[in-house]
Amino acid sequence: MIQLAINTGVTQTPEAILFWILAPLAVAAALGMLLVKKAVHSALLLAFVMVTLAIFYIAQGAVFLGIVQVVVYTGAVMMLFLFILMLVGVDSSDSLTETISGLRPIAITAAFGFGGLMMSLLGRATLGREAIGLDAANANGNVASLAQLLFSKYVWPFEIVSALLITAALGAMVLAHHQREIPRPTQRDLSIARFRSGSLATAAGLPGPGVFARHNAVDVPALLPDGSPASASISETLRARGDMKDSSIYQLDQINTAVEEEK
């Protein structure tokens, strides 16, 4: 018991080396997460900070908490967030645009206030406390000891934090939602707009995959394998109205030369 009391609270050399190497990297990654311009880089730095915290948890004997930090937060939540950013794409100009006026000063003030509150709570929690050692804290197992503290002594703070996380998720959804001022055009609206644009070239649409075409429109006749225009590919209405264009200007130079020699 005397030997246990002497060694309790003493930081071992490997743990100290681990802390002094990873702690500055974690702080640098946290600062870089706030200063980088691209959201993807910020997400990668946040994932690095979470992995570093997991290593600290495991070093302190909280093996279950460290594994959950890696599997749930880093492996699931952050990777999902990163994949969404890479698929959707968020520009730096979009991330700096305020959807609500005056939101940035409020967020900065709240961040400093929350940081000061956390420092005050951590300072008062460590003063006047005697370390009991990891063996005594994990006497019944790390998972059982953690569950006993969460659902007995810290049950109300645990529930309040859960409610705050749900509120933050709902708030992010509300802030990211943009109401459309005009209804989304339907397929019929897009088709009518193409035909009413005044250009018949846009009415036929683009050629299919693997088709080489220098022009694609309903007012230009298709070309036969010998390079001559196919009159059957033009509507009689367009031919009667005089809207049919000469296809020779869209032919390749070799085809034009061959057609002129035949004439």
C-alpha atoms as a PDB file:
ATOM      1  CA  MET A   1       0.000   0.000   0.000  1.00  0.00           C
ATOM      2  CA  ILE A   2       2.868   2.366   0.770  1.00  0.00           C
ATOM      3  CA  GLN A   3       4.509   1.603  -2.574  1.00  0.00           C
ATOM      4  CA  LEU A   4       1.158   2.136  -4.319  1.00  0.00           C
ATOM      5  CA  ALA A   5       0.684   5.496  -2.633  1.00  0.00           C
ATOM      6  CA  ILE A   6       4.170   6.594  -3.646  1.00  0.00           C
ATOM      7  CA  ASN A   7       3.758   5.642  -7.313  1.00  0.00           C
ATOM      8  CA  THR A   8       0.207   6.995  -7.579  1.00  0.00           C
ATOM      9  CA  GLY A   9       0.084  10.138  -9.696  1.00  0.00           C
ATOM     10  CA  VAL A  10       3.663   9.793 -10.977  1.00  0.00           C
ATOM     11  CA  THR A  11       3.997  10.133 -14.738  1.00  0.00           C
ATOM     12  CA  GLN A  12       6.154   7.461 -16.260  1.00  0.00           C
ATOM     13  CA  THR A  13       8.859   8.311 -18.807  1.00  0.00           C
ATOM     14  CA  PRO A  14       7.211   6.659 -21.874  1.00  0.00           C
ATOM     15  CA  GLU A  15       3.933   8.409 -21.101  1.00  0.00           C
ATOM     16  CA  ALA A  16       5.716  11.752 -20.753  1.00  0.00           C
ATOM     17  CA  ILE A  17       7.538  11.274 -24.067  1.00  0.00           C
ATOM     18  CA  LEU A  18       4.269  10.339 -25.753  1.00  0.00           C
ATOM     19  CA  PHE A  19       2.566  13.432 -24.355  1.00  0.00           C
ATOM     20  CA  TRP A  20       5.304  15.928 -25.308  1.00  0.00           C
ATOM     21  CA  ILE A  21       5.393  14.579 -28.865  1.00  0.00           C
ATOM     22  CA  LEU A  22       1.677  14.277 -29.596  1.00  0.00           C
ATOM     23  CA  ALA A  23       0.376  17.218 -27.550  1.00  0.00           C
ATOM     24  CA  PRO A  24       2.127  19.937 -29.642  1.00  0.00           C
ATOM     25  CA  LEU A  25       1.043  18.163 -32.829  1.00  0.00           C
ATOM     26  CA  ALA A  26      -2.558  18.062 -31.600  1.00  0.00           C
ATOM     27  CA  VAL A  27      -2.506  21.761 -30.705  1.00  0.00           C
ATOM     28  CA  ALA A  28      -0.949  22.639 -34.071  1.00  0.00           C
ATOM     29  CA  ALA A  29      -3.575  20.551 -35.891  1.00  0.00           C
ATOM     30  CA  ALA A  30      -6.358  22.230 -33.900  1.00  0.00           C
ATOM     31  CA  LEU A  31      -5.053  25.690 -34.808  1.00  0.00           C
ATOM     32  CA  GLY A  32      -4.611  24.657 -38.436  1.00  0.00           C
ATOM     33  CA  MET A  33      -8.186  23.367 -38.469  1.00  0.00           C
ATOM     34  CA  LEU A  34      -9.351  26.917 -37.711  1.00  0.00           C
ATOM     35  CA  LEU A  35      -6.943  28.682 -40.070  1.00  0.00           C
ATOM     36  CA  VAL A  36      -7.001  26.578 -43.247  1.00  0.00           C
ATOM     37  CA  LYS A  37      -9.205  27.777 -46.104  1.00  0.00           C
ATOM     38  CA  LYS A  38     -10.425  24.449 -47.495  1.00  0.00           C
ATOM     39  CA  ALA A  39     -13.066  22.507 -45.572  1.00  0.00           C
ATOM     40  CA  VAL A  40     -11.564  19.146 -46.596  1.00  0.00           C
ATOM     41  CA  HIS A  41      -8.222  20.034 -45.015  1.00  0.00           C
ATOM     42  CA  SER A  42     -10.013  21.178 -41.866  1.00  0.00           C
ATOM     43  CA  ALA A  43     -11.836  17.834 -41.645  1.00  0.00           C
ATOM     44  CA  LEU A  44      -8.556  15.916 -42.044  1.00  0.00           C
ATOM     45  CA  LEU A  45      -6.924  17.942 -39.275  1.00  0.00           C
ATOM     46  CA  LEU A  46      -9.922  17.348 -37.015  1.00  0.00           C
ATOM     47  CA  ALA A  47      -9.616  13.599 -37.659  1.00  0.00           C
ATOM     48  CA  PHE A  48      -5.945  13.790 -36.644  1.00  0.00           C
ATOM     49  CA  VAL A  49      -6.894  15.570 -33.399  1.00  0.00           C
ATOM     50  CA  MET A  50      -9.458  12.861 -32.625  1.00  0.00           C
ATOM     51  CA  VAL A  51      -6.927  10.088 -33.212  1.00  0.00           C
ATOM     52  CA  THR A  52      -4.464  11.872 -30.908  1.00  0.00           C
ATOM     53  CA  LEU A  53      -7.116  12.101 -28.191  1.00  0.00           C
ATOM     54  CA  ALA A  54      -7.791   8.388 -28.574  1.00  0.00           C
ATOM     55  CA  ILE A  55      -4.088   7.663 -28.018  1.00  0.00           C
ATOM     56  CA  PHE A  56      -4.153   9.799 -24.870  1.00  0.00           C
ATOM     57  CA  TYR A  57      -7.225   7.927 -23.591  1.00  0.00           C
ATOM     58  CA  ILE A  58      -5.561   4.558 -24.125  1.00  0.00           C
ATOM     59  CA  ALA A  59      -2.368   5.782 -22.444  1.00  0.00           C
ATOM     60  CA  GLN A  60      -4.415   6.838 -19.400  1.00  0.00           C
ATOM     61  CA  GLY A  61      -6.005   3.403 -19.126  1.00  0.00           C
ATOM     62  CA  ALA A  62      -9.371   4.264 -20.708  1.00  0.00           C
ATOM     63  CA  VAL A  63      -9.075   1.614 -23.408  1.00  0.00           C
ATOM     64  CA  PHE A  64     -12.793   1.426 -24.170  1.00  0.00           C
ATOM     65  CA  LEU A  65     -13.071   5.215 -24.512  1.00  0.00           C
ATOM     66  CA  GLY A  66     -10.063   5.320 -26.855  1.00  0.00           C
ATOM     67  CA  ILE A  67     -11.434   2.568 -29.100  1.00  0.00           C
ATOM     68  CA  VAL A  68     -14.839   4.275 -29.245  1.00  0.00           C
ATOM     69  CA  GLN A  69     -13.110   7.543 -30.135  1.00  0.00           C
ATOM     70  CA  VAL A  70     -11.408   5.895 -33.113  1.00  0.00           C
ATOM     71  CA  VAL A  71     -14.247   3.667 -34.326  1.00  0.00           C
ATOM     72  CA  VAL A  72     -17.250   5.957 -33.811  1.00  0.00           C
ATOM     73  CA  TYR A  73     -16.043   9.535 -34.076  1.00  0.00           C
ATOM     74  CA  THR A  74     -12.952   9.263 -36.275  1.00  0.00           C
ATOM     75  CA  GLY A  75     -13.870   6.213 -38.345  1.00  0.00           C
ATOM     76  CA  ALA A  76     -17.604   6.826 -38.814  1.00  0.00           C
ATOM     77  CA  VAL A  77     -18.648  10.415 -38.159  1.00  0.00           C
ATOM     78  CA  MET A  78     -15.572  12.247 -39.440  1.00  0.00           C
ATOM     79  CA  MET A  79     -15.068  10.010 -42.478  1.00  0.00           C
ATOM     80  CA  LEU A  80     -18.728  10.417 -43.426  1.00  0.00           C
ATOM     81  CA  PHE A  81     -18.381  14.170 -43.063  1.00  0.00           C
ATOM     82  CA  LEU A  82     -15.189  14.110 -45.146  1.00  0.00           C
ATOM     83  CA  PHE A  83     -16.790  12.041 -47.918  1.00  0.00           C
ATOM     84  CA  ILE A  84     -19.757  14.441 -48.060  1.00  0.00           C
ATOM     85  CA  LEU A  85     -17.387  17.399 -48.411  1.00  0.00           C
ATOM     86  CA  MET A  86     -15.440  15.662 -51.179  1.00  0.00           C
ATOM     87  CA  LEU A  87     -18.610  14.686 -53.079  1.00  0.00           C
ATOM     88  CA  VAL A  88     -20.618  17.899 -52.665  1.00  0.00           C
ATOM     89  CA  GLY A  89     -17.707  20.325 -52.564  1.00  0.00           C
ATOM     90  CA  VAL A  90     -17.578  23.419 -50.379  1.00  0.00           C
ATOM     91  CA  ASP A  91     -15.667  26.439 -51.597  1.00  0.00           C
ATOM     92  CA  SER A  92     -13.822  28.726 -49.193  1.00  0.00           C
ATOM     93  CA  SER A  93     -16.001  31.620 -50.303  1.00  0.00           C
ATOM     94  CA  ASP A  94     -19.112  29.607 -49.417  1.00  0.00           C
ATOM     95  CA  SER A  95     -17.848  28.792 -45.941  1.00  0.00           C
ATOM     96  CA  LEU A  96     -17.202  32.497 -45.188  1.00  0.00           C
ATOM     97  CA  THR A  97     -20.645  33.641 -46.302  1.00  0.00           C
ATOM     98  CA  GLU A  98     -22.906  34.497 -43.378  1.00  0.00           C
ATOM     99  CA  THR A  99     -26.474  33.336 -43.830  1.00  0.00           C
ATOM    100  CA  ILE A 100     -27.491  35.267 -40.692  1.00  0.00           C
ATOM    101  CA  SER A 101     -26.099  38.750 -40.087  1.00  0.00           C
ATOM    102  CA  GLY A 102     -24.031  39.121 -36.919  1.00  0.00           C
ATOM    103  CA  LEU A 103     -23.550  35.377 -36.497  1.00  0.00           C
ATOM    104  CA  ARG A 104     -19.746  35.466 -36.596  1.00  0.00           C
ATOM    105  CA  PRO A 105     -19.242  37.793 -33.543  1.00  0.00           C
ATOM    106  CA  ILE A 106     -21.750  35.738 -31.578  1.00  0.00           C
ATOM    107  CA  ALA A 107     -19.903  32.512 -32.478  1.00  0.00           C
ATOM    108  CA  ILE A 108     -16.505  33.976 -31.503  1.00  0.00           C
ATOM    109  CA  THR A 109     -17.854  35.253 -28.174  1.00  0.00           C
ATOM    110  CA  ALA A 110     -19.514  31.915 -27.441  1.00  0.00           C
ATOM    111  CA  ALA A 111     -16.286  30.044 -28.281  1.00  0.00           C
ATOM    112  CA  PHE A 112     -14.196  32.146 -25.894  1.00  0.00           C
ATOM    113  CA  GLY A 113     -16.866  31.852 -23.209  1.00  0.00           C
ATOM    114  CA  PHE A 114     -17.060  28.075 -23.594  1.00  0.00           C
ATOM    115  CA  GLY A 115     -13.257  27.801 -23.506  1.00  0.00           C
ATOM    116  CA  GLY A 116     -13.060  29.874 -20.326  1.00  0.00           C
ATOM    117  CA  LEU A 117     -15.806  27.785 -18.716  1.00  0.00           C
ATOM    118  CA  MET A 118     -14.013  24.535 -19.562  1.00  0.00           C
ATOM    119  CA  MET A 119     -10.711  25.840 -18.175  1.00  0.00           C
ATOM    120  CA  SER A 120     -12.430  26.924 -14.977  1.00  0.00           C
ATOM    121  CA  LEU A 121     -14.144  23.565 -14.519  1.00  0.00           C
ATOM    122  CA  LEU A 122     -10.958  21.605 -15.207  1.00  0.00           C
ATOM    123  CA  GLY A 123      -8.963  23.808 -12.833  1.00  0.00           C
ATOM    124  CA  ARG A 124     -11.401  23.326  -9.974  1.00  0.00           C
ATOM    125  CA  ALA A 125     -11.699  19.590 -10.680  1.00  0.00           C
ATOM    126  CA  THR A 126      -7.959  18.970 -10.297  1.00  0.00           C
ATOM    127  CA  LEU A 127      -7.280  21.210  -7.281  1.00  0.00           C
ATOM    128  CA  GLY A 128      -7.362  19.458  -3.923  1.00  0.00           C
ATOM    129  CA  ARG A 129      -7.813  16.000  -5.462  1.00  0.00           C
ATOM    130  CA  GLU A 130      -5.642  13.019  -4.703  1.00  0.00           C
ATOM    131  CA  ALA A 131      -4.959  10.558  -7.502  1.00  0.00           C
ATOM    132  CA  ILE A 132      -6.154   7.048  -6.700  1.00  0.00           C
ATOM    133  CA  GLY A 133      -4.379   5.334  -9.587  1.00  0.00           C
ATOM    134  CA  LEU A 134      -5.640   3.560 -12.686  1.00  0.00           C
ATOM    135  CA  ASP A 135      -5.824   0.160 -11.028  1.00  0.00           C
ATOM    136  CA  ALA A 136      -8.299   1.394  -8.431  1.00  0.00           C
ATOM    137  CA  ALA A 137     -10.342   3.359 -10.997  1.00  0.00           C
ATOM    138  CA  ASN A 138     -10.633   0.327 -13.295  1.00  0.00           C
ATOM    139  CA  ALA A 139     -11.095  -2.250 -10.573  1.00  0.00           C
ATOM    140  CA  ASN A 140     -14.405  -3.467 -12.028  1.00  0.00           C
ATOM    141  CA  GLY A 141     -13.277  -3.016 -15.625  1.00  0.00           C
ATOM    142  CA  ASN A 142     -12.976   0.096 -17.747  1.00  0.00           C
ATOM    143  CA  VAL A 143     -16.421  -0.251 -19.347  1.00  0.00           C
ATOM    144  CA  ALA A 144     -18.231  -0.948 -16.057  1.00  0.00           C
ATOM    145  CA  SER A 145     -16.468   1.881 -14.242  1.00  0.00           C
ATOM    146  CA  LEU A 146     -17.194   4.332 -17.040  1.00  0.00           C
ATOM    147  CA  ALA A 147     -20.860   3.296 -17.195  1.00  0.00           C
ATOM    148  CA  GLN A 148     -21.220   3.605 -13.425  1.00  0.00           C
ATOM    149  CA  LEU A 149     -19.964   7.197 -13.478  1.00  0.00           C
ATOM    150  CA  LEU A 150     -22.013   8.225 -16.537  1.00  0.00           C
ATOM    151  CA  PHE A 151     -25.324   6.809 -15.351  1.00  0.00           C
ATOM    152  CA  SER A 152     -25.053   7.595 -11.645  1.00  0.00           C
ATOM    153  CA  LYS A 153     -22.943  10.602 -10.645  1.00  0.00           C
ATOM    154  CA  TYR A 154     -22.836  12.350 -14.023  1.00  0.00           C
ATOM    155  CA  VAL A 155     -26.212  11.258 -15.434  1.00  0.00           C
ATOM    156  CA  TRP A 156     -27.659  14.784 -15.660  1.00  0.00           C
ATOM    157  CA  PRO A 157     -24.583  16.340 -17.336  1.00  0.00           C
ATOM    158  CA  PHE A 158     -24.573  13.356 -19.717  1.00  0.00           C
ATOM    159  CA  GLU A 159     -28.216  13.917 -20.677  1.00  0.00           C
ATOM    160  CA  ILE A 160     -27.709  17.683 -21.012  1.00  0.00           C
ATOM    161  CA  VAL A 161     -24.742  17.177 -23.344  1.00  0.00           C
ATOM    162  CA  SER A 162     -26.842  14.750 -25.418  1.00  0.00           C
ATOM    163  CA  ALA A 163     -29.604  17.354 -25.718  1.00  0.00           C
ATOM    164  CA  LEU A 164     -27.052  19.994 -26.715  1.00  0.00           C
ATOM    165  CA  LEU A 165     -25.656  17.731 -29.438  1.00  0.00           C
ATOM    166  CA  ILE A 166     -29.131  17.130 -30.861  1.00  0.00           C
ATOM    167  CA  THR A 167     -29.846  20.869 -30.731  1.00  0.00           C
ATOM    168  CA  ALA A 168     -26.560  21.603 -32.521  1.00  0.00           C
ATOM    169  CA  ALA A 169     -27.407  19.065 -35.251  1.00  0.00           C
ATOM    170  CA  LEU A 170     -30.865  20.583 -35.766  1.00  0.00           C
ATOM    171  CA  GLY A 171     -29.370  24.084 -35.782  1.00  0.00           C
ATOM    172  CA  ALA A 172     -26.830  23.083 -38.437  1.00  0.00           C
ATOM    173  CA  MET A 173     -29.641  21.693 -40.595  1.00  0.00           C
ATOM    174  CA  VAL A 174     -31.654  24.903 -40.233  1.00  0.00           C
ATOM    175  CA  LEU A 175     -28.687  27.165 -41.012  1.00  0.00           C
ATOM    176  CA  ALA A 176     -27.610  25.083 -44.018  1.00  0.00           C
ATOM    177  CA  HIS A 177     -31.109  24.958 -45.506  1.00  0.00           C
ATOM    178  CA  HIS A 178     -31.796  27.446 -48.304  1.00  0.00           C
ATOM    179  CA  GLN A 179     -35.353  28.032 -49.401  1.00  0.00           C
ATOM    180  CA  ARG A 180     -35.769  28.164 -53.175  1.00  0.00           C
ATOM    181  CA  GLU A 181     -37.290  31.444 -54.349  1.00  0.00           C
ATOM    182  CA  ILE A 182     -38.445  29.935 -57.644  1.00  0.00           C
ATOM    183  CA  PRO A 183     -39.748  26.394 -58.135  1.00  0.00           C
ATOM    184  CA  ARG A 184     -37.449  23.809 -59.660  1.00  0.00           C
ATOM    185  CA  PRO A 185     -38.157  23.505 -63.430  1.00  0.00           C
ATOM    186  CA  THR A 186     -39.665  20.213 -64.527  1.00  0.00           C
ATOM    187  CA  GLN A 187     -38.649  18.177 -67.566  1.00  0.00           C
ATOM    188  CA  ARG A 188     -41.559  19.657 -69.498  1.00  0.00           C
ATOM    189  CA  ASP A 189     -40.471  23.209 -68.646  1.00  0.00           C
ATOM    190  CA  LEU A 190     -36.917  22.499 -69.780  1.00  0.00           C
ATOM    191  CA  SER A 191     -38.147  20.993 -73.061  1.00  0.00           C
ATOM    192  CA  ILE A 192     -40.413  23.991 -73.767  1.00  0.00           C
ATOM    193  CA  ALA A 193     -37.567  26.391 -72.989  1.00  0.00           C
ATOM    194  CA  ARG A 194     -35.261  24.565 -75.436  1.00  0.00           C
ATOM    195  CA  PHE A 195     -37.746  24.845 -78.297  1.00  0.00           C
ATOM    196  CA  ARG A 196     -38.646  28.462 -77.498  1.00  0.00           C
ATOM    197  CA  SER A 197     -35.049  29.641 -77.247  1.00  0.00           C
ATOM    198  CA  GLY A 198     -35.063  30.588 -80.939  1.00  0.00           C
ATOM    199  CA  SER A 199     -32.319  28.156 -81.944  1.00  0.00           C
ATOM    200  CA  LEU A 200     -33.187  24.777 -83.422  1.00  0.00           C
ATOM    201  CA  ALA A 201     -29.675  23.570 -82.620  1.00  0.00           C
ATOM    202  CA  THR A 202     -30.569  23.142 -78.951  1.00  0.00           C
ATOM    203  CA  ALA A 203     -33.821  21.306 -79.637  1.00  0.00           C
ATOM    204  CA  ALA A 204     -32.229  18.021 -80.708  1.00  0.00           C
ATOM    205  CA  GLY A 205     -29.929  17.833 -77.702  1.00  0.00           C
ATOM    206  CA  LEU A 206     -26.387  16.517 -77.621  1.00  0.00           C
ATOM    207  CA  PRO A 207     -25.293  13.471 -79.639  1.00  0.00           C
ATOM    208  CA  GLY A 208     -25.177  10.114 -77.923  1.00  0.00           C
ATOM    209  CA  PRO A 209     -22.011   8.639 -76.410  1.00  0.00           C
ATOM    210  CA  GLY A 210     -19.527   7.449 -79.024  1.00  0.00           C
ATOM    211  CA  VAL A 211     -21.075   9.536 -81.816  1.00  0.00           C
ATOM    212  CA  PHE A 212     -18.849  12.056 -83.588  1.00  0.00           C
ATOM    213  CA  ALA A 213     -20.828  15.046 -84.790  1.00  0.00           C
ATOM    214  CA  ARG A 214     -19.730  18.579 -85.610  1.00  0.00           C
ATOM    215  CA  HIS A 215     -23.321  19.767 -85.421  1.00  0.00           C
ATOM    216  CA  ASN A 216     -26.472  18.303 -83.935  1.00  0.00           C
ATOM    217  CA  ALA A 217     -29.795  19.971 -84.713  1.00  0.00           C
ATOM    218  CA  VAL A 218     -33.164  19.197 -86.249  1.00  0.00           C
ATOM    219  CA  ASP A 219     -32.647  21.744 -89.035  1.00  0.00           C
ATOM    220  CA  VAL A 220     -29.443  20.132 -90.414  1.00  0.00           C
ATOM    221  CA  PRO A 221     -29.756  16.885 -92.401  1.00  0.00           C
ATOM    222  CA  ALA A 222     -27.847  13.829 -91.291  1.00  0.00           C
ATOM    223  CA  LEU A 223     -24.909  12.570 -93.334  1.00  0.00           C
ATOM    224  CA  LEU A 224     -24.834   9.239 -95.083  1.00  0.00           C
ATOM    225  CA  PRO A 225     -21.688   7.071 -95.056  1.00  0.00           C
ATOM    226  CA  ASP A 226     -20.591   8.597 -98.382  1.00  0.00           C
ATOM    227  CA  GLY A 227     -20.883  12.109 -96.938  1.00  0.00           C
ATOM    228  CA  SER A 228     -24.023  13.131 -98.783  1.00  0.00           C
ATOM    229  CA  PRO A 229     -26.925  14.641 -96.796  1.00  0.00           C
ATOM    230  CA  ALA A 230     -29.920  12.426 -95.997  1.00  0.00           C
ATOM    231  CA  SER A 231     -33.011  14.391 -96.943  1.00  0.00           C
ATOM    232  CA  ALA A 232     -35.271  11.952 -95.076  1.00  0.00           C
ATOM    233  CA  SER A 233     -33.754  13.073 -91.782  1.00  0.00           C
ATOM    234  CA  ILE A 234     -35.359  16.538 -92.090  1.00  0.00           C
ATOM    235  CA  SER A 235     -38.999  17.156 -91.306  1.00  0.00           C
ATOM    236  CA  GLU A 236     -41.171  18.187 -94.258  1.00  0.00           C
ATOM    237  CA  THR A 237     -42.428  21.113 -92.211  1.00  0.00           C
ATOM    238  CA  LEU A 238     -38.919  22.534 -91.773  1.00  0.00           C
ATOM    239  CA  ARG A 239     -38.167  22.001 -95.469  1.00  0.00           C
ATOM    240  CA  ALA A 240     -41.395  23.767 -96.458  1.00  0.00           C
ATOM    241  CA  ARG A 241     -40.702  26.685 -94.140  1.00  0.00           C
ATOM    242  CA  GLY A 242     -37.169  27.057 -95.509  1.00  0.00           C
ATOM    243  CA  ASP A 243     -35.529  26.418 -92.135  1.00  0.00           C
ATOM    244  CA  MET A 244     -33.274  23.598 -93.408  1.00  0.00           C
ATOM    245  CA  LYS A 245     -29.610  24.494 -93.356  1.00  0.00           C
ATOM    246  CA  ASP A 246     -26.882  23.391 -95.728  1.00  0.00           C
ATOM    247  CA  SER A 247     -24.961  20.510 -94.145  1.00  0.00           C
ATOM    248  CA  SER A 248     -21.817  21.070 -96.217  1.00  0.00           C
ATOM    249  CA  ILE A 249     -20.500  23.698 -93.812  1.00  0.00           C
ATOM    250  CA  TYR A 250     -20.458  21.097 -91.020  1.00  0.00           C
ATOM    251  CA  GLN A 251     -18.736  18.344 -92.986  1.00  0.00           C
ATOM    252  CA  LEU A 252     -15.073  17.493 -92.656  1.00  0.00           C
ATOM    253  CA  ASP A 253     -12.663  18.959 -95.190  1.00  0.00           C
ATOM    254  CA  GLN A 254     -11.981  15.566 -96.790  1.00  0.00           C
ATOM    255  CA  ILE A 255     -15.715  14.916 -97.311  1.00  0.00           C
ATOM    256  CA  ASN A 256     -16.254  18.405 -98.749  1.00  0.00           C
ATOM    257  CA  THR A 257     -13.396  17.901-101.221  1.00  0.00           C
ATOM    258  CA  ALA A 258     -14.766  14.510-102.321  1.00  0.00           C
ATOM    259  CA  VAL A 259     -18.281  15.892-102.792  1.00  0.00           C
ATOM    260  CA  GLU A 260     -16.969  18.828-104.862  1.00  0.00           C
ATOM    261  CA  GLU A 261     -14.904  16.475-107.075  1.00  0.00           C
ATOM    262  CA  GLU A 262     -17.957  14.303-107.730  1.00  0.00           C
ATOM    263  CA  LYS A 263     -19.953  17.387-108.726  1.00  0.00           C
END
